[in-house]
C-alpha atoms as a PDB file:
ATOM      1  CA  MET A   1     110.886 122.927 100.226  1.00  0.00           C
ATOM      2  CA  PRO A   2     114.195 121.397 100.158  1.00  0.00           C
ATOM      3  CA  LYS A   3     114.562 117.431  99.770  1.00  0.00           C
ATOM      4  CA  HIS A   4     115.586 115.664 103.010  1.00  0.00           C
ATOM      5  CA  LYS A   5     119.068 113.509 102.836  1.00  0.00           C
ATOM      6  CA  LEU A   6     117.969 109.956 102.296  1.00  0.00           C
ATOM      7  CA  PRO A   7     118.117 107.804 105.231  1.00  0.00           C
ATOM      8  CA  LYS A   8     119.109 103.957 105.402  1.00  0.00           C
ATOM      9  CA  HIS A   9     115.169 103.283 105.944  1.00  0.00           C
ATOM     10  CA  ASN A  10     113.724  99.763 105.330  1.00  0.00           C
ATOM     11  CA  VAL A  11     110.613 100.340 104.627  1.00  0.00           C
ATOM     12  CA  ALA A  12     107.825  97.840 104.544  1.00  0.00           C
ATOM     13  CA  PHE A  13     104.796  99.005 102.467  1.00  0.00           C
ATOM     14  CA  ILE A  14     101.503  97.197 102.894  1.00  0.00           C
ATOM     15  CA  GLY A  15      99.074  97.768 100.130  1.00  0.00           C
ATOM     16  CA  LEU A  16      99.298  98.042  96.477  1.00  0.00           C
ATOM     17  CA  GLY A  17      96.085  99.442  95.046  1.00  0.00           C
ATOM     18  CA  ILE A  18      95.758 101.771  92.804  1.00  0.00           C
ATOM     19  CA  MET A  19      97.580 104.052  94.941  1.00  0.00           C
ATOM     20  CA  GLY A  20      99.848 101.840  96.993  1.00  0.00           C
ATOM     21  CA  ALA A  21     101.780 100.370  93.983  1.00  0.00           C
ATOM     22  CA  PRO A  22     102.874 103.406  92.481  1.00  0.00           C
ATOM     23  CA  MET A  23     103.584 104.761  96.093  1.00  0.00           C
ATOM     24  CA  ALA A  24     105.994 102.246  96.593  1.00  0.00           C
ATOM     25  CA  MET A  25     107.444 102.047  93.241  1.00  0.00           C
ATOM     26  CA  ASN A  26     108.283 105.613  93.803  1.00  0.00           C
ATOM     27  CA  LEU A  27     110.257 104.868  97.044  1.00  0.00           C
ATOM     28  CA  LEU A  28     111.978 102.071  95.469  1.00  0.00           C
ATOM     29  CA  ARG A  29     113.120 104.348  92.673  1.00  0.00           C
ATOM     30  CA  ALA A  30     114.613 106.527  95.399  1.00  0.00           C
ATOM     31  CA  GLY A  31     116.892 104.116  97.049  1.00  0.00           C
ATOM     32  CA  PHE A  32     114.679 102.724 100.249  1.00  0.00           C
ATOM     33  CA  SER A  33     114.846  99.153 100.588  1.00  0.00           C
ATOM     34  CA  LEU A  34     111.566  98.004  99.946  1.00  0.00           C
ATOM     35  CA  ARG A  35     109.601  95.086 101.646  1.00  0.00           C
ATOM     36  CA  VAL A  36     105.781  94.686 100.342  1.00  0.00           C
ATOM     37  CA  TYR A  37     102.742  92.441 101.219  1.00  0.00           C
ATOM     38  CA  ASN A  38      99.456  92.715  99.523  1.00  0.00           C
ATOM     39  CA  ARG A  39      96.471  90.322  99.725  1.00  0.00           C
ATOM     40  CA  THR A  40      96.420  89.593  95.979  1.00  0.00           C
ATOM     41  CA  ARG A  41     100.405  88.624  95.109  1.00  0.00           C
ATOM     42  CA  GLU A  42     100.102  89.310  91.478  1.00  0.00           C
ATOM     43  CA  LYS A  43      99.878  92.969  92.104  1.00  0.00           C
ATOM     44  CA  ALA A  44     103.546  93.140  93.552  1.00  0.00           C
ATOM     45  CA  ARG A  45     105.054  91.871  90.596  1.00  0.00           C
ATOM     46  CA  ASP A  46     106.360  95.212  89.049  1.00  0.00           C
ATOM     47  CA  LEU A  47     107.549  95.957  92.272  1.00  0.00           C
ATOM     48  CA  VAL A  48     109.487  92.700  93.149  1.00  0.00           C
ATOM     49  CA  THR A  49     110.929  92.665  89.705  1.00  0.00           C
ATOM     50  CA  ALA A  50     112.472  96.311  90.350  1.00  0.00           C
ATOM     51  CA  GLY A  51     113.935  95.186  93.468  1.00  0.00           C
ATOM     52  CA  ALA A  52     111.248  94.645  96.147  1.00  0.00           C
ATOM     53  CA  SER A  53     111.328  91.674  98.457  1.00  0.00           C
ATOM     54  CA  GLN A  54     107.566  90.337  98.718  1.00  0.00           C
ATOM     55  CA  TYR A  55     106.643  88.707 101.786  1.00  0.00           C
ATOM     56  CA  ASP A  56     103.290  86.366 102.629  1.00  0.00           C
ATOM     57  CA  SER A  57     101.806  88.220 105.472  1.00  0.00           C
ATOM     58  CA  PRO A  58     101.851  91.705 106.806  1.00  0.00           C
ATOM     59  CA  ALA A  59     104.211  90.224 110.084  1.00  0.00           C
ATOM     60  CA  GLU A  60     106.759  89.067 107.764  1.00  0.00           C
ATOM     61  CA  ALA A  61     106.756  92.101 105.801  1.00  0.00           C
ATOM     62  CA  ALA A  62     107.108  94.494 108.743  1.00  0.00           C
ATOM     63  CA  ARG A  63     109.840  92.219 110.623  1.00  0.00           C
ATOM     64  CA  ALA A  64     113.028  94.402 111.265  1.00  0.00           C
ATOM     65  CA  ALA A  65     111.397  97.586 109.154  1.00  0.00           C
ATOM     66  CA  ASP A  66     112.587 101.066 110.321  1.00  0.00           C
ATOM     67  CA  VAL A  67     108.842 102.498 109.128  1.00  0.00           C
ATOM     68  CA  ILE A  68     105.867 100.156 108.226  1.00  0.00           C
ATOM     69  CA  VAL A  69     103.648 102.266 105.741  1.00  0.00           C
ATOM     70  CA  THR A  70      99.831 101.071 105.424  1.00  0.00           C
ATOM     71  CA  MET A  71      97.999 102.276 102.760  1.00  0.00           C
ATOM     72  CA  VAL A  72      94.485  99.675 102.457  1.00  0.00           C
ATOM     73  CA  THR A  73      90.784 100.592 101.781  1.00  0.00           C
ATOM     74  CA  ASP A  74      89.037 101.209 105.225  1.00  0.00           C
ATOM     75  CA  THR A  75      89.227 100.955 108.991  1.00  0.00           C
ATOM     76  CA  PRO A  76      88.925  97.179 109.095  1.00  0.00           C
ATOM     77  CA  ASP A  77      91.499  97.048 106.955  1.00  0.00           C
ATOM     78  CA  VAL A  78      94.065  98.724 108.914  1.00  0.00           C
ATOM     79  CA  ARG A  79      93.113  97.151 112.087  1.00  0.00           C
ATOM     80  CA  ALA A  80      93.640  93.494 110.436  1.00  0.00           C
ATOM     81  CA  VAL A  81      97.150  94.617 108.880  1.00  0.00           C
ATOM     82  CA  VAL A  82      98.269  95.868 111.837  1.00  0.00           C
ATOM     83  CA  PHE A  83      96.896  94.183 114.765  1.00  0.00           C
ATOM     84  CA  GLY A  84      95.405  90.682 113.133  1.00  0.00           C
ATOM     85  CA  ASP A  85      97.369  87.455 114.102  1.00  0.00           C
ATOM     86  CA  ASP A  86      99.585  88.108 111.202  1.00  0.00           C
ATOM     87  CA  GLY A  87      99.518  91.969 111.221  1.00  0.00           C
ATOM     88  CA  ALA A  88     102.514  93.915 111.352  1.00  0.00           C
ATOM     89  CA  LEU A  89     102.737  94.712 115.183  1.00  0.00           C
ATOM     90  CA  ALA A  90     103.364  91.238 115.490  1.00  0.00           C
ATOM     91  CA  THR A  91     106.953  91.464 114.887  1.00  0.00           C
ATOM     92  CA  ALA A  92     107.442  95.025 114.535  1.00  0.00           C
ATOM     93  CA  ARG A  93     110.399  96.134 116.711  1.00  0.00           C
ATOM     94  CA  ARG A  94     110.305  98.784 119.579  1.00  0.00           C
ATOM     95  CA  GLY A  95     111.532 102.276 117.893  1.00  0.00           C
ATOM     96  CA  ALA A  96     109.824 101.377 114.773  1.00  0.00           C
ATOM     97  CA  LEU A  97     107.253 103.761 113.171  1.00  0.00           C
ATOM     98  CA  ILE A  98     103.937 103.110 111.455  1.00  0.00           C
ATOM     99  CA  VAL A  99     102.841 105.427 108.746  1.00  0.00           C
ATOM    100  CA  ASP A 100      99.309 105.165 108.033  1.00  0.00           C
ATOM    101  CA  MET A 101      98.518 106.892 104.753  1.00  0.00           C
ATOM    102  CA  SER A 102      94.851 105.044 103.930  1.00  0.00           C
ATOM    103  CA  THR A 103      91.894 107.097 104.620  1.00  0.00           C
ATOM    104  CA  ILE A 104      89.983 105.711 108.537  1.00  0.00           C
ATOM    105  CA  ARG A 105      88.206 107.120 110.971  1.00  0.00           C
ATOM    106  CA  PRO A 106      90.073 109.874 113.321  1.00  0.00           C
ATOM    107  CA  ASP A 107      89.050 108.442 116.391  1.00  0.00           C
ATOM    108  CA  ALA A 108      89.988 104.555 115.535  1.00  0.00           C
ATOM    109  CA  THR A 109      93.507 106.612 114.395  1.00  0.00           C
ATOM    110  CA  ARG A 110      93.749 107.621 117.723  1.00  0.00           C
ATOM    111  CA  ARG A 111      92.965 104.122 119.749  1.00  0.00           C
ATOM    112  CA  PHE A 112      95.223 102.400 116.923  1.00  0.00           C
ATOM    113  CA  ALA A 113      98.521 105.122 117.948  1.00  0.00           C
ATOM    114  CA  ALA A 114      97.551 104.333 121.842  1.00  0.00           C
ATOM    115  CA  GLN A 115      97.681 100.619 121.017  1.00  0.00           C
ATOM    116  CA  ALA A 116     100.957 100.453 118.666  1.00  0.00           C
ATOM    117  CA  ALA A 117     102.725 102.737 121.923  1.00  0.00           C
ATOM    118  CA  GLU A 118     102.167 100.037 124.262  1.00  0.00           C
ATOM    119  CA  ARG A 119     104.274  98.146 122.051  1.00  0.00           C
ATOM    120  CA  GLY A 120     106.770 100.816 121.636  1.00  0.00           C
ATOM    121  CA  VAL A 121     105.820 101.606 118.304  1.00  0.00           C
ATOM    122  CA  ALA A 122     105.071 105.219 117.157  1.00  0.00           C
ATOM    123  CA  TRP A 123     102.151 106.379 115.111  1.00  0.00           C
ATOM    124  CA  LEU A 124     101.535 108.787 112.152  1.00  0.00           C
ATOM    125  CA  ASP A 125      98.510 109.508 110.462  1.00  0.00           C
ATOM    126  CA  ALA A 126      99.785 110.394 106.623  1.00  0.00           C
ATOM    127  CA  PRO A 127      96.159 110.567 104.385  1.00  0.00           C
ATOM    128  CA  VAL A 128      97.140 112.120 100.540  1.00  0.00           C
ATOM    129  CA  SER A 129      95.100 113.621  98.082  1.00  0.00           C
ATOM    130  CA  GLY A 130      95.928 113.653  94.444  1.00  0.00           C
ATOM    131  CA  GLY A 131      94.738 110.371  93.177  1.00  0.00           C
ATOM    132  CA  ASP A 132      96.619 108.347  90.706  1.00  0.00           C
ATOM    133  CA  VAL A 133      98.194 110.925  88.979  1.00  0.00           C
ATOM    134  CA  GLY A 134      99.620 112.341  92.173  1.00  0.00           C
ATOM    135  CA  ALA A 135     100.607 108.497  93.076  1.00  0.00           C
ATOM    136  CA  LYS A 136     102.555 108.019  90.033  1.00  0.00           C
ATOM    137  CA  ASN A 137     103.853 111.789  89.672  1.00  0.00           C
ATOM    138  CA  ALA A 138     104.673 112.162  93.248  1.00  0.00           C
ATOM    139  CA  THR A 139     102.671 114.889  93.606  1.00  0.00           C
ATOM    140  CA  LEU A 140     100.474 114.039  96.436  1.00  0.00           C
ATOM    141  CA  THR A 141      99.085 115.968  99.062  1.00  0.00           C
ATOM    142  CA  ILE A 142     100.139 114.520 102.563  1.00  0.00           C
ATOM    143  CA  MET A 143      98.184 115.448 105.568  1.00  0.00           C
ATOM    144  CA  VAL A 144      99.927 114.410 108.866  1.00  0.00           C
ATOM    145  CA  GLY A 145      99.224 113.787 112.479  1.00  0.00           C
ATOM    146  CA  GLY A 146     101.264 112.898 115.148  1.00  0.00           C
ATOM    147  CA  ASP A 147     104.172 114.037 116.696  1.00  0.00           C
ATOM    148  CA  PRO A 148     106.851 116.605 115.502  1.00  0.00           C
ATOM    149  CA  ALA A 149     109.685 114.138 115.954  1.00  0.00           C
ATOM    150  CA  ASP A 150     107.995 111.388 114.201  1.00  0.00           C
ATOM    151  CA  PHE A 151     107.042 113.534 111.594  1.00  0.00           C
ATOM    152  CA  GLU A 152     110.728 114.404 111.158  1.00  0.00           C
ATOM    153  CA  ARG A 153     111.819 110.592 110.677  1.00  0.00           C
ATOM    154  CA  ALA A 154     109.414 110.232 108.006  1.00  0.00           C
ATOM    155  CA  ARG A 155     109.920 113.893 105.988  1.00  0.00           C
ATOM    156  CA  PRO A 156     112.250 111.757 103.491  1.00  0.00           C
ATOM    157  CA  LEU A 157     109.706 109.297 102.803  1.00  0.00           C
ATOM    158  CA  PHE A 158     107.230 112.111 102.642  1.00  0.00           C
ATOM    159  CA  ASP A 159     109.304 114.235 100.508  1.00  0.00           C
ATOM    160  CA  THR A 160     109.855 111.185  98.321  1.00  0.00           C
ATOM    161  CA  LEU A 161     105.735 110.590  97.912  1.00  0.00           C
ATOM    162  CA  GLY A 162     104.419 114.084  97.586  1.00  0.00           C
ATOM    163  CA  LYS A 163     104.655 118.009  96.908  1.00  0.00           C
ATOM    164  CA  ARG A 164     103.014 119.244  99.922  1.00  0.00           C
ATOM    165  CA  VAL A 165     103.446 117.923 103.028  1.00  0.00           C
ATOM    166  CA  THR A 166     101.929 119.420 106.602  1.00  0.00           C
ATOM    167  CA  LEU A 167     101.912 118.488 110.085  1.00  0.00           C
ATOM    168  CA  LEU A 168      98.563 119.630 111.128  1.00  0.00           C
ATOM    169  CA  GLY A 169      98.360 118.532 114.878  1.00  0.00           C
ATOM    170  CA  PRO A 170      98.824 115.522 117.344  1.00  0.00           C
ATOM    171  CA  VAL A 171      97.808 111.760 116.053  1.00  0.00           C
ATOM    172  CA  GLY A 172      94.012 112.087 114.169  1.00  0.00           C
ATOM    173  CA  SER A 173      94.899 115.219 112.814  1.00  0.00           C
ATOM    174  CA  GLY A 174      95.724 114.284 109.416  1.00  0.00           C
ATOM    175  CA  GLN A 175      92.459 111.644 109.560  1.00  0.00           C
ATOM    176  CA  ALA A 176      90.413 114.993 110.128  1.00  0.00           C
ATOM    177  CA  VAL A 177      91.737 117.237 107.312  1.00  0.00           C
ATOM    178  CA  LYS A 178      91.291 114.320 105.014  1.00  0.00           C
ATOM    179  CA  ALA A 179      87.562 114.456 105.608  1.00  0.00           C
ATOM    180  CA  CYS A 180      87.331 118.023 105.385  1.00  0.00           C
ATOM    181  CA  ASN A 181      89.325 117.790 101.756  1.00  0.00           C
ATOM    182  CA  GLN A 182      86.626 114.767 101.070  1.00  0.00           C
ATOM    183  CA  ILE A 183      84.030 117.270 101.738  1.00  0.00           C
ATOM    184  CA  LEU A 184      85.714 119.803  99.226  1.00  0.00           C
ATOM    185  CA  CYS A 185      86.091 116.915  96.534  1.00  0.00           C
ATOM    186  CA  ALA A 186      82.642 115.776  96.767  1.00  0.00           C
ATOM    187  CA  VAL A 187      81.007 119.235  96.544  1.00  0.00           C
ATOM    188  CA  ASN A 188      83.093 120.289  93.772  1.00  0.00           C
ATOM    189  CA  LEU A 189      82.780 117.412  91.522  1.00  0.00           C
ATOM    190  CA  LEU A 190      78.976 118.250  92.169  1.00  0.00           C
ATOM    191  CA  GLY A 191      79.400 121.454  90.564  1.00  0.00           C
ATOM    192  CA  VAL A 192      81.496 120.492  87.816  1.00  0.00           C
ATOM    193  CA  CYS A 193      78.876 117.878  86.693  1.00  0.00           C
ATOM    194  CA  GLU A 194      75.857 120.481  87.187  1.00  0.00           C
ATOM    195  CA  ALA A 195      77.250 123.158  85.075  1.00  0.00           C
ATOM    196  CA  LEU A 196      78.571 120.405  81.984  1.00  0.00           C
ATOM    197  CA  ALA A 197      74.942 119.334  82.238  1.00  0.00           C
ATOM    198  CA  LEU A 198      73.453 123.137  82.132  1.00  0.00           C
ATOM    199  CA  ALA A 199      75.784 123.792  79.122  1.00  0.00           C
ATOM    200  CA  GLU A 200      74.598 120.644  77.345  1.00  0.00           C
ATOM    201  CA  SER A 201      71.216 121.541  77.712  1.00  0.00           C
ATOM    202  CA  GLN A 202      71.884 125.330  76.327  1.00  0.00           C
ATOM    203  CA  ASP A 203      73.780 123.256  73.521  1.00  0.00           C
ATOM    204  CA  ILE A 204      77.047 124.866  74.488  1.00  0.00           C
ATOM    205  CA  ASP A 205      80.683 123.678  73.433  1.00  0.00           C
ATOM    206  CA  ARG A 206      81.390 121.762  76.472  1.00  0.00           C
ATOM    207  CA  GLU A 207      85.250 121.473  75.668  1.00  0.00           C
ATOM    208  CA  LYS A 208      85.169 125.550  74.971  1.00  0.00           C
ATOM    209  CA  LEU A 209      83.164 125.621  78.264  1.00  0.00           C
ATOM    210  CA  LEU A 210      86.243 124.049  80.118  1.00  0.00           C
ATOM    211  CA  SER A 211      88.896 126.635  78.525  1.00  0.00           C
ATOM    212  CA  SER A 212      86.654 129.335  79.470  1.00  0.00           C
ATOM    213  CA  LEU A 213      85.871 128.770  82.869  1.00  0.00           C
ATOM    214  CA  GLY A 214      89.012 126.914  84.349  1.00  0.00           C
ATOM    215  CA  ALA A 215      91.259 130.041  84.588  1.00  0.00           C
ATOM    216  CA  GLY A 216      88.442 132.197  86.640  1.00  0.00           C
ATOM    217  CA  ALA A 217      86.760 132.063  89.945  1.00  0.00           C
ATOM    218  CA  GLY A 218      84.796 128.762  88.991  1.00  0.00           C
ATOM    219  CA  GLY A 219      87.601 126.982  88.567  1.00  0.00           C
ATOM    220  CA  SER A 220      88.968 124.232  90.213  1.00  0.00           C
ATOM    221  CA  TRP A 221      90.995 120.824  90.417  1.00  0.00           C
ATOM    222  CA  ALA A 222      87.798 118.744  89.840  1.00  0.00           C
ATOM    223  CA  LEU A 223      87.119 121.012  86.823  1.00  0.00           C
ATOM    224  CA  GLU A 224      90.760 120.897  85.404  1.00  0.00           C
ATOM    225  CA  ASN A 225      91.192 117.026  86.100  1.00  0.00           C
ATOM    226  CA  LEU A 226      87.932 116.048  85.650  1.00  0.00           C
ATOM    227  CA  GLY A 227      85.843 117.841  83.435  1.00  0.00           C
ATOM    228  CA  PRO A 228      87.824 116.669  80.574  1.00  0.00           C
ATOM    229  CA  LYS A 229      87.309 113.382  81.324  1.00  0.00           C
ATOM    230  CA  LEU A 230      83.445 113.995  81.852  1.00  0.00           C
ATOM    231  CA  VAL A 231      83.267 115.452  78.202  1.00  0.00           C
ATOM    232  CA  GLN A 232      85.254 112.250  76.922  1.00  0.00           C
ATOM    233  CA  ALA A 233      83.202 110.208  78.448  1.00  0.00           C
ATOM    234  CA  ASP A 234      85.639 108.549  80.241  1.00  0.00           C
ATOM    235  CA  PHE A 235      84.910 106.971  83.920  1.00  0.00           C
ATOM    236  CA  ALA A 236      88.067 104.936  84.598  1.00  0.00           C
ATOM    237  CA  PRO A 237      88.834 104.860  87.988  1.00  0.00           C
ATOM    238  CA  GLY A 238      91.344 107.100  89.362  1.00  0.00           C
ATOM    239  CA  PHE A 239      89.261 107.216  92.623  1.00  0.00           C
ATOM    240  CA  MET A 240      86.719 105.264  92.589  1.00  0.00           C
ATOM    241  CA  ILE A 241      82.850 106.153  93.595  1.00  0.00           C
ATOM    242  CA  ASP A 242      82.466 103.165  96.214  1.00  0.00           C
ATOM    243  CA  LEU A 243      86.194 104.697  97.813  1.00  0.00           C
ATOM    244  CA  LEU A 244      84.371 108.176  98.151  1.00  0.00           C
ATOM    245  CA  LEU A 245      81.505 106.931  99.531  1.00  0.00           C
ATOM    246  CA  LYS A 246      83.427 105.170 102.301  1.00  0.00           C
ATOM    247  CA  ASP A 247      85.156 108.523 103.027  1.00  0.00           C
ATOM    248  CA  LEU A 248      81.708 110.403 103.146  1.00  0.00           C
ATOM    249  CA  GLY A 249      80.840 108.053 106.080  1.00  0.00           C
ATOM    250  CA  ILE A 250      83.617 109.128 107.715  1.00  0.00           C
ATOM    251  CA  VAL A 251      82.542 112.735 107.289  1.00  0.00           C
ATOM    252  CA  ALA A 252      79.366 111.923 108.440  1.00  0.00           C
ATOM    253  CA  ASP A 253      79.907 110.149 111.482  1.00  0.00           C
ATOM    254  CA  CYS A 254      82.494 112.996 112.620  1.00  0.00           C
ATOM    255  CA  GLY A 255      79.802 115.472 112.038  1.00  0.00           C
ATOM    256  CA  ARG A 256      77.086 113.514 113.982  1.00  0.00           C
ATOM    257  CA  GLY A 257      80.049 113.317 116.896  1.00  0.00           C
ATOM    258  CA  GLU A 258      79.951 116.787 116.847  1.00  0.00           C
ATOM    259  CA  SER A 259      76.302 117.455 116.501  1.00  0.00           C
ATOM    260  CA  LEU A 260      77.616 119.476 113.426  1.00  0.00           C
ATOM    261  CA  PRO A 261      75.625 119.478 110.221  1.00  0.00           C
ATOM    262  CA  LEU A 262      76.753 119.330 106.896  1.00  0.00           C
ATOM    263  CA  PRO A 263      74.104 119.727 103.986  1.00  0.00           C
ATOM    264  CA  ALA A 264      76.225 119.726 101.450  1.00  0.00           C
ATOM    265  CA  ALA A 265      78.355 116.667 101.966  1.00  0.00           C
ATOM    266  CA  ALA A 266      75.308 114.803 102.736  1.00  0.00           C
ATOM    267  CA  LEU A 267      73.752 115.545  99.069  1.00  0.00           C
ATOM    268  CA  ALA A 268      76.827 114.766  97.709  1.00  0.00           C
ATOM    269  CA  GLU A 269      76.846 111.172  99.557  1.00  0.00           C
ATOM    270  CA  GLN A 270      73.024 110.776  98.438  1.00  0.00           C
ATOM    271  CA  LEU A 271      74.336 111.405  94.444  1.00  0.00           C
ATOM    272  CA  PHE A 272      77.223 109.348  94.355  1.00  0.00           C
ATOM    273  CA  ARG A 273      75.211 106.702  96.546  1.00  0.00           C
ATOM    274  CA  THR A 274      72.631 106.778  93.464  1.00  0.00           C
ATOM    275  CA  ALA A 275      75.839 106.462  91.118  1.00  0.00           C
ATOM    276  CA  SER A 276      76.849 103.307  92.887  1.00  0.00           C
ATOM    277  CA  ALA A 277      73.011 101.711  93.070  1.00  0.00           C
ATOM    278  CA  LEU A 278      72.886 102.078  89.563  1.00  0.00           C
ATOM    279  CA  GLY A 279      76.107 100.167  89.245  1.00  0.00           C
ATOM    280  CA  HIS A 280      78.731 102.684  88.538  1.00  0.00           C
ATOM    281  CA  GLY A 281      80.563 102.413  92.130  1.00  0.00           C
ATOM    282  CA  ARG A 282      83.834 101.176  90.718  1.00  0.00           C
ATOM    283  CA  LEU A 283      84.082 103.718  88.073  1.00  0.00           C
ATOM    284  CA  GLY A 284      85.913 106.757  88.655  1.00  0.00           C
ATOM    285  CA  THR A 285      83.968 109.609  90.697  1.00  0.00           C
ATOM    286  CA  GLN A 286      83.335 111.594  87.827  1.00  0.00           C
ATOM    287  CA  ALA A 287      81.031 108.952  86.928  1.00  0.00           C
ATOM    288  CA  VAL A 288      78.294 110.571  89.496  1.00  0.00           C
ATOM    289  CA  ALA A 289      77.575 112.529  85.854  1.00  0.00           C
ATOM    290  CA  LEU A 290      76.033 109.428  85.029  1.00  0.00           C
ATOM    291  CA  ALA A 291      73.564 109.867  88.016  1.00  0.00           C
ATOM    292  CA  TYR A 292      72.488 113.275  86.636  1.00  0.00           C
ATOM    293  CA  ARG A 293      71.743 111.497  83.609  1.00  0.00           C
ATOM    294  CA  ALA A 294      69.410 109.113  85.187  1.00  0.00           C
ATOM    295  CA  LEU A 295      67.509 111.470  87.180  1.00  0.00           C
ATOM    296  CA  GLY A 296      66.934 113.453  84.396  1.00  0.00           C
ATOM    297  CA  ALA A 297      69.744 115.866  82.772  1.00  0.00           C
ATOM    298  CA  PRO A 298      69.346 116.204  78.723  1.00  0.00           C
ATOM    299  CA  ARG A 299      71.669 114.085  76.439  1.00  0.00           C
ATOM    300  CA  ARG A 300      73.559 115.658  73.398  1.00  0.00           C
ATOM    301  CA  ASP A 301      72.559 113.349  70.477  1.00  0.00           C
END
């Protein structure tokens, strides 16, 4: 996909967590004028050093911005930073574009977009996949819902942040596809954990297992990227268990709303919830393997 010519957008970026901070840095390095807000001010330090302007509220950051990017944790957080008393919509100019890159409920996204439209502000939902590595390397997969014209306005920003960008349909479509993505992420990771647990029980060298199976029909992103971390007992978060649990809750709500059974996703949610209950909620999703250990998976001494 050819890169688009960089527009002279003033971008407000709200939310500088594990994903948001490197995404904002990539925009800054690409030449966007960046206005940032984060509840914990210290997290903006590197961005300010690199040339971003920091503000004390979403409203101040959004003032005069052409595009307002939100990258926060959950549906209530998006509501707060956009529609709260000091939210972005309080100062957003007519004709501005909100690009919500958080992962939230599709039905809430549609309501938020309708509310913003009443103020003359357009909305794209654009959740991402690829974890902190994709955020740092600008290789994210970006799933977009919204008007095609608004999508084209945001393409230079998307092309800076991601490697695969797809307009999937009207507002809410990006969040719906992200829910599908999270089913695949969770269920695939369980398969990796179970395969490694079985290999351990059979006294198989797990590094050789990864090398042997990675290019076969059982290969996956989870096996390639999280398998080595599991072998090394590296549970540092690229994406936390508690955040995936939030996403699996969205999946379950979507399924219930359509009377659609999602048994694999439900099983995954139970196992990740077990890991969280064991105190591992702020570890990386690969730490679900610790739930398997607690349930009796053998340990190599």
